[in-house]
Amino acid sequence: MEDCKVAVNQHNATECDTPLSYDEVFDTVEDRVTAVWTRIRAIAPQASIMLLGYPYLTPVMEPCDGLTRDEVEAFNAAYERLGTLPQSRLSGPCVVRLARYLESFIQCASLEADEVAYAAGSNWFEDLLSDAAAQLAPGVVKIDPGEAWFLRRGADDLNAALQRTASAAGVHFVNALGGVASARHPSGFVGHDQCSGVRWLNGFVADDEEDNGVNGKSFHPTVAGHVGYAEIVWDFVRNTIRNPETGLTEAGLPGNPIRRTMRRYVAETPTGDGPVGRGRVGV
């Protein structure tokens, strides 16, 4: 997962001279998102702004016993070779969940793509595909459980960065992973991955007309996913309208929440002068 601090070619930011670190990527996300709604507020000061969280891109399982990506990959290799998990320090319930998780990848064809061409190094996702392809036959790409474990961590960290930014700026954050009280979708996107019965996300979608053989719909919501996303947002709006603290805009939408970072900063500094530090959320 990387972006560029300095591009080799200023007209092609995919050529990195100095890549950002994992943590710097999320700092950059916060800065860019903040710039977006600063512009929105300049144009529409009374707008009710809602920042939508990201779903997980691959199947997930409940974390257990502090498993690392390397451990998941080692267990996956043993499972594919032996058809069972070896004796380990894992608890019984965790072994059962992990076995089901690994089996779901074996049976899930949508996480595999044939004849995929790409230039490794152009972005973090293509680097991930490159890592996967090195372990498989040429032209075949498949996301394995260890990479999915890493992608889950990335989604969690991305959503945390978005939520921090939303709280600091005083806009709504809509958690699409079960963070919205919804009778229709209590777990949000969780349970609707590419390997589930009701898929809200595509896996690899082949496209012969694309240079890399992959359609832009890959790892984006399906029609059912778009409907589910919209219903989660609607349930969030309906729930928030009932909260008397936010009030309503002229359009009847919930007003934006109080800027929590600013509230805390002003409480600490009576003059209210100076910048507000990142990460100082909550009161």
Protein backbone atom coordinates (compact mmCIF):
# COMPACT_ATOMS: atom_id res chain seq x y z
CA MET A 1 0.00 0.00 0.00
CA GLU A 2 1.83 3.05 -1.17
CA ASP A 3 1.58 6.47 -2.71
CA CYS A 4 4.28 8.89 -3.76
CA LYS A 5 6.08 11.50 -1.71
CA VAL A 6 8.08 12.42 -4.83
CA ALA A 7 7.17 11.24 -8.31
CA VAL A 8 9.95 10.31 -10.72
CA ASN A 9 7.85 11.79 -13.50
CA GLN A 10 5.64 14.64 -12.35
CA HIS A 11 3.22 13.85 -15.18
CA ASN A 12 2.91 10.22 -14.06
CA ALA A 13 2.42 9.91 -10.32
CA THR A 14 2.45 6.12 -10.56
CA GLU A 15 6.24 6.21 -10.89
CA CYS A 16 7.44 6.51 -7.31
CA ASP A 17 10.84 7.78 -6.28
CA THR A 18 9.98 7.98 -2.57
CA PRO A 19 6.96 5.85 -1.58
CA LEU A 20 4.87 6.74 1.44
CA SER A 21 4.90 4.43 4.43
CA TYR A 22 1.77 2.55 5.47
CA ASP A 23 0.92 5.15 8.16
CA GLU A 24 1.71 8.09 5.88
CA VAL A 25 -0.85 6.82 3.38
CA PHE A 26 -3.62 7.32 5.93
CA ASP A 27 -2.31 10.74 6.95
CA THR A 28 -2.54 11.67 3.26
CA VAL A 29 -6.09 10.31 3.09
CA GLU A 30 -7.14 12.50 6.01
CA ASP A 31 -5.62 15.60 4.42
CA ARG A 32 -7.24 14.94 1.05
CA VAL A 33 -10.68 14.21 2.49
CA THR A 34 -10.49 17.34 4.65
CA ALA A 35 -9.71 19.38 1.54
CA VAL A 36 -12.81 17.98 -0.17
CA TRP A 37 -15.31 19.05 2.43
CA THR A 38 -13.56 22.35 2.99
CA ARG A 39 -14.43 23.02 -0.64
CA ILE A 40 -17.98 21.69 -0.17
CA ARG A 41 -18.56 24.03 2.78
CA ALA A 42 -17.24 26.98 0.81
CA ILE A 43 -19.85 26.30 -1.88
CA ALA A 44 -22.73 25.08 0.32
CA PRO A 45 -22.23 26.18 3.96
CA GLN A 46 -25.51 24.61 5.12
CA ALA A 47 -24.97 21.23 3.44
CA SER A 48 -25.38 18.09 5.51
CA ILE A 49 -22.20 16.13 4.75
CA MET A 50 -21.99 12.36 5.09
CA LEU A 51 -18.76 10.44 4.66
CA LEU A 52 -19.39 6.80 3.78
CA GLY A 53 -17.13 4.14 5.22
CA TYR A 54 -15.54 1.40 3.13
CA PRO A 55 -16.57 -2.26 3.09
CA TYR A 56 -14.11 -5.13 3.37
CA LEU A 57 -12.90 -6.12 -0.10
CA THR A 58 -12.58 -9.84 0.69
CA PRO A 59 -14.15 -12.41 3.04
CA VAL A 60 -13.42 -11.83 6.71
CA MET A 61 -13.41 -13.93 9.84
CA GLU A 62 -13.46 -13.04 13.50
CA PRO A 63 -9.94 -12.29 14.73
CA CYS A 64 -8.75 -14.94 17.13
CA ASP A 65 -5.70 -15.29 19.34
CA GLY A 66 -3.86 -12.43 17.68
CA LEU A 67 -3.12 -14.18 14.40
CA THR A 68 -0.72 -12.39 12.07
CA ARG A 69 -0.72 -12.37 8.29
CA ASP A 70 2.33 -14.66 8.20
CA GLU A 71 0.60 -17.16 10.50
CA VAL A 72 -2.56 -17.15 8.40
CA GLU A 73 -0.51 -17.80 5.26
CA ALA A 74 1.40 -20.62 6.99
CA PHE A 75 -1.84 -22.25 8.15
CA ASN A 76 -3.29 -21.85 4.64
CA ALA A 77 -0.29 -23.58 3.08
CA ALA A 78 -0.59 -26.46 5.55
CA TYR A 79 -4.35 -26.68 5.02
CA GLU A 80 -4.03 -26.85 1.25
CA ARG A 81 -1.34 -29.53 1.57
CA LEU A 82 -2.86 -31.66 4.33
CA GLY A 83 -6.58 -30.91 4.07
CA THR A 84 -6.63 -30.18 7.79
CA LEU A 85 -5.06 -27.78 10.24
CA PRO A 86 -2.03 -28.99 12.22
CA GLN A 87 -2.00 -29.02 16.01
CA SER A 88 -1.11 -25.55 17.21
CA ARG A 89 -1.51 -23.05 20.01
CA LEU A 90 -4.93 -22.05 18.63
CA SER A 91 -8.03 -22.71 20.71
CA GLY A 92 -10.62 -25.18 19.46
CA PRO A 93 -13.20 -22.56 18.40
CA CYS A 94 -10.52 -20.59 16.57
CA VAL A 95 -9.38 -23.71 14.68
CA VAL A 96 -12.95 -24.27 13.50
CA ARG A 97 -13.38 -20.65 12.35
CA LEU A 98 -10.00 -20.61 10.65
CA ALA A 99 -10.69 -23.88 8.81
CA ARG A 100 -14.01 -22.51 7.52
CA TYR A 101 -12.30 -19.30 6.49
CA LEU A 102 -9.57 -21.11 4.55
CA GLU A 103 -12.10 -23.45 2.93
CA SER A 104 -14.12 -20.46 1.70
CA PHE A 105 -11.10 -19.30 -0.30
CA ILE A 106 -10.58 -22.70 -1.87
CA GLN A 107 -14.20 -22.75 -3.06
CA CYS A 108 -14.44 -19.08 -4.09
CA ALA A 109 -13.70 -18.75 -7.81
CA SER A 110 -14.40 -15.01 -7.89
CA LEU A 111 -11.16 -14.30 -6.04
CA GLU A 112 -9.18 -15.84 -8.91
CA ALA A 113 -8.56 -14.44 -12.37
CA ASP A 114 -6.95 -16.01 -15.43
CA GLU A 115 -4.90 -14.12 -18.00
CA VAL A 116 -4.52 -10.98 -15.89
CA ALA A 117 -1.76 -8.67 -17.07
CA TYR A 118 -0.48 -5.73 -15.04
CA ALA A 119 2.63 -3.68 -14.34
CA ALA A 120 3.86 -4.41 -10.85
CA GLY A 121 4.75 -1.33 -8.85
CA SER A 122 2.17 1.10 -10.18
CA ASN A 123 0.09 0.99 -7.00
CA TRP A 124 -0.34 -1.00 -3.82
CA PHE A 125 -3.14 -3.23 -5.14
CA GLU A 126 -1.19 -4.25 -8.22
CA ASP A 127 1.81 -4.96 -5.99
CA LEU A 128 -0.43 -7.25 -3.97
CA LEU A 129 -1.54 -9.01 -7.14
CA SER A 130 2.07 -9.38 -8.15
CA ASP A 131 2.88 -11.10 -4.85
CA ALA A 132 -0.03 -13.48 -5.38
CA ALA A 133 0.88 -14.24 -8.99
CA ALA A 134 4.45 -15.15 -8.08
CA GLN A 135 3.11 -18.18 -6.22
CA LEU A 136 0.81 -19.38 -8.99
CA ALA A 137 0.93 -20.29 -12.64
CA PRO A 138 1.77 -17.42 -15.03
CA GLY A 139 -1.30 -15.42 -15.94
CA VAL A 140 -3.29 -16.62 -12.92
CA VAL A 141 -3.94 -14.33 -9.97
CA LYS A 142 -5.68 -15.32 -6.77
CA ILE A 143 -6.04 -13.47 -3.50
CA ASP A 144 -5.11 -15.81 -0.68
CA PRO A 145 -6.24 -15.71 2.97
CA GLY A 146 -3.07 -13.97 4.15
CA GLU A 147 -3.53 -11.13 1.66
CA ALA A 148 -7.19 -10.89 2.61
CA TRP A 149 -6.10 -10.61 6.25
CA PHE A 150 -3.86 -7.67 5.25
CA LEU A 151 -6.67 -6.05 3.26
CA ARG A 152 -8.96 -6.29 6.26
CA ARG A 153 -6.39 -4.45 8.36
CA GLY A 154 -6.14 -1.83 5.63
CA ALA A 155 -9.93 -1.36 5.55
CA ASP A 156 -10.07 -1.03 9.34
CA ASP A 157 -7.27 1.55 9.35
CA LEU A 158 -8.82 3.45 6.43
CA ASN A 159 -12.20 3.62 8.18
CA ALA A 160 -10.53 4.74 11.40
CA ALA A 161 -8.78 7.54 9.50
CA LEU A 162 -12.05 8.59 7.84
CA GLN A 163 -13.90 8.54 11.16
CA ARG A 164 -11.19 10.68 12.84
CA THR A 165 -11.40 13.18 10.01
CA ALA A 166 -15.19 13.29 10.07
CA SER A 167 -15.26 13.82 13.82
CA ALA A 168 -12.65 16.57 13.64
CA ALA A 169 -14.45 18.37 10.83
CA GLY A 170 -17.97 17.98 12.21
CA VAL A 171 -19.48 15.82 9.47
CA HIS A 172 -21.34 12.52 9.63
CA PHE A 173 -19.50 9.22 9.27
CA VAL A 174 -21.59 6.28 8.05
CA ASN A 175 -20.06 2.96 9.09
CA ALA A 176 -20.95 0.37 6.44
CA LEU A 177 -19.63 -2.56 8.49
CA GLY A 178 -22.45 -2.85 10.99
CA GLY A 179 -22.05 0.55 12.62
CA VAL A 180 -25.55 1.73 11.70
CA ALA A 181 -28.62 0.57 13.60
CA SER A 182 -30.46 -1.12 10.75
CA ALA A 183 -33.09 -3.83 11.07
CA ARG A 184 -32.57 -4.68 7.39
CA HIS A 185 -28.78 -4.83 7.45
CA PRO A 186 -27.51 -5.05 11.04
CA SER A 187 -24.05 -6.17 9.90
CA GLY A 188 -23.83 -3.93 6.85
CA PHE A 189 -21.52 -5.36 4.18
CA VAL A 190 -20.18 -8.04 6.52
CA GLY A 191 -21.42 -11.43 5.35
CA HIS A 192 -22.07 -10.22 1.79
CA ASP A 193 -18.60 -10.83 0.35
CA GLN A 194 -17.72 -12.44 -2.99
CA CYS A 195 -17.97 -15.93 -1.52
CA SER A 196 -21.35 -15.51 0.18
CA GLY A 197 -24.83 -16.42 -0.98
CA VAL A 198 -25.93 -12.80 -1.39
CA ARG A 199 -22.97 -10.96 -2.85
CA TRP A 200 -22.70 -7.20 -2.40
CA LEU A 201 -19.18 -7.04 -3.87
CA ASN A 202 -17.70 -8.30 -7.10
CA GLY A 203 -14.49 -10.27 -7.14
CA PHE A 204 -12.36 -10.23 -10.27
CA VAL A 205 -14.46 -9.33 -13.33
CA ALA A 206 -12.69 -10.25 -16.57
CA ASP A 207 -12.75 -7.85 -19.51
CA ASP A 208 -10.98 -8.67 -22.76
CA GLU A 209 -11.24 -5.07 -23.90
CA GLU A 210 -9.14 -3.77 -20.99
CA ASP A 211 -5.35 -3.77 -21.31
CA ASN A 212 -4.94 -5.53 -17.98
CA GLY A 213 -7.83 -7.95 -18.57
CA VAL A 214 -9.77 -6.73 -15.52
CA ASN A 215 -13.01 -4.75 -15.61
CA GLY A 216 -13.35 -1.66 -13.43
CA LYS A 217 -16.27 -3.33 -11.64
CA SER A 218 -13.80 -5.66 -9.91
CA PHE A 219 -13.98 -5.36 -6.12
CA HIS A 220 -16.74 -2.76 -6.37
CA PRO A 221 -20.37 -3.16 -5.24
CA THR A 222 -22.80 -5.28 -7.21
CA VAL A 223 -26.31 -4.03 -7.94
CA ALA A 224 -27.43 -5.60 -4.65
CA GLY A 225 -24.48 -3.91 -2.95
CA HIS A 226 -25.49 -0.48 -4.23
CA VAL A 227 -29.02 -1.05 -2.98
CA GLY A 228 -27.72 -2.23 0.39
CA TYR A 229 -25.38 0.75 0.67
CA ALA A 230 -28.25 3.15 -0.07
CA GLU A 231 -30.48 1.46 2.51
CA ILE A 232 -27.73 1.70 5.15
CA VAL A 233 -27.38 5.43 4.43
CA TRP A 234 -31.15 5.91 4.59
CA ASP A 235 -31.34 4.10 7.93
CA PHE A 236 -28.51 6.32 9.21
CA VAL A 237 -30.37 9.45 8.10
CA ARG A 238 -33.62 8.26 9.66
CA ASN A 239 -31.90 7.44 12.95
CA THR A 240 -30.01 10.73 13.04
CA ILE A 241 -33.08 12.83 12.27
CA ARG A 242 -34.55 11.55 15.53
CA ASN A 243 -31.57 12.94 17.47
CA PRO A 244 -32.58 16.40 18.76
CA GLU A 245 -28.92 17.47 19.20
CA THR A 246 -28.20 17.74 15.47
CA GLY A 247 -31.30 19.61 14.32
CA LEU A 248 -32.40 19.67 10.70
CA THR A 249 -31.27 21.54 7.62
CA GLU A 250 -33.72 23.42 5.40
CA ALA A 251 -33.78 20.31 3.21
CA GLY A 252 -34.94 18.20 6.15
CA LEU A 253 -31.63 16.35 6.54
CA PRO A 254 -29.83 15.97 9.86
CA GLY A 255 -27.55 18.87 10.67
CA ASN A 256 -23.83 18.22 10.91
CA PRO A 257 -22.48 17.13 14.29
CA ILE A 258 -20.35 19.37 16.49
CA ARG A 259 -16.68 19.44 15.56
CA ARG A 260 -15.34 17.33 18.39
CA THR A 261 -11.70 18.18 17.90
CA MET A 262 -12.46 21.88 17.92
CA ARG A 263 -14.57 21.54 21.08
CA ARG A 264 -11.72 19.85 22.89
CA TYR A 265 -9.13 22.30 21.58
CA VAL A 266 -11.15 25.34 22.63
CA ALA A 267 -11.67 23.83 26.07
CA GLU A 268 -7.91 23.44 26.45
CA THR A 269 -7.01 26.81 24.90
CA PRO A 270 -9.45 29.62 25.81
CA THR A 271 -8.32 31.83 22.93
CA GLY A 272 -9.02 29.12 20.38
CA ASP A 273 -5.94 30.19 18.41
CA GLY A 274 -3.65 27.81 16.56
CA PRO A 275 -4.07 24.63 14.55
CA VAL A 276 -5.95 21.61 15.75
CA GLY A 277 -3.78 18.48 15.96
CA ARG A 278 -4.73 15.33 14.08
CA GLY A 279 -6.15 12.52 16.15
CA ARG A 280 -7.44 14.68 19.01
CA VAL A 281 -10.98 13.45 18.76
CA GLY A 282 -13.65 13.06 21.37
CA VAL A 283 -14.44 15.07 24.48
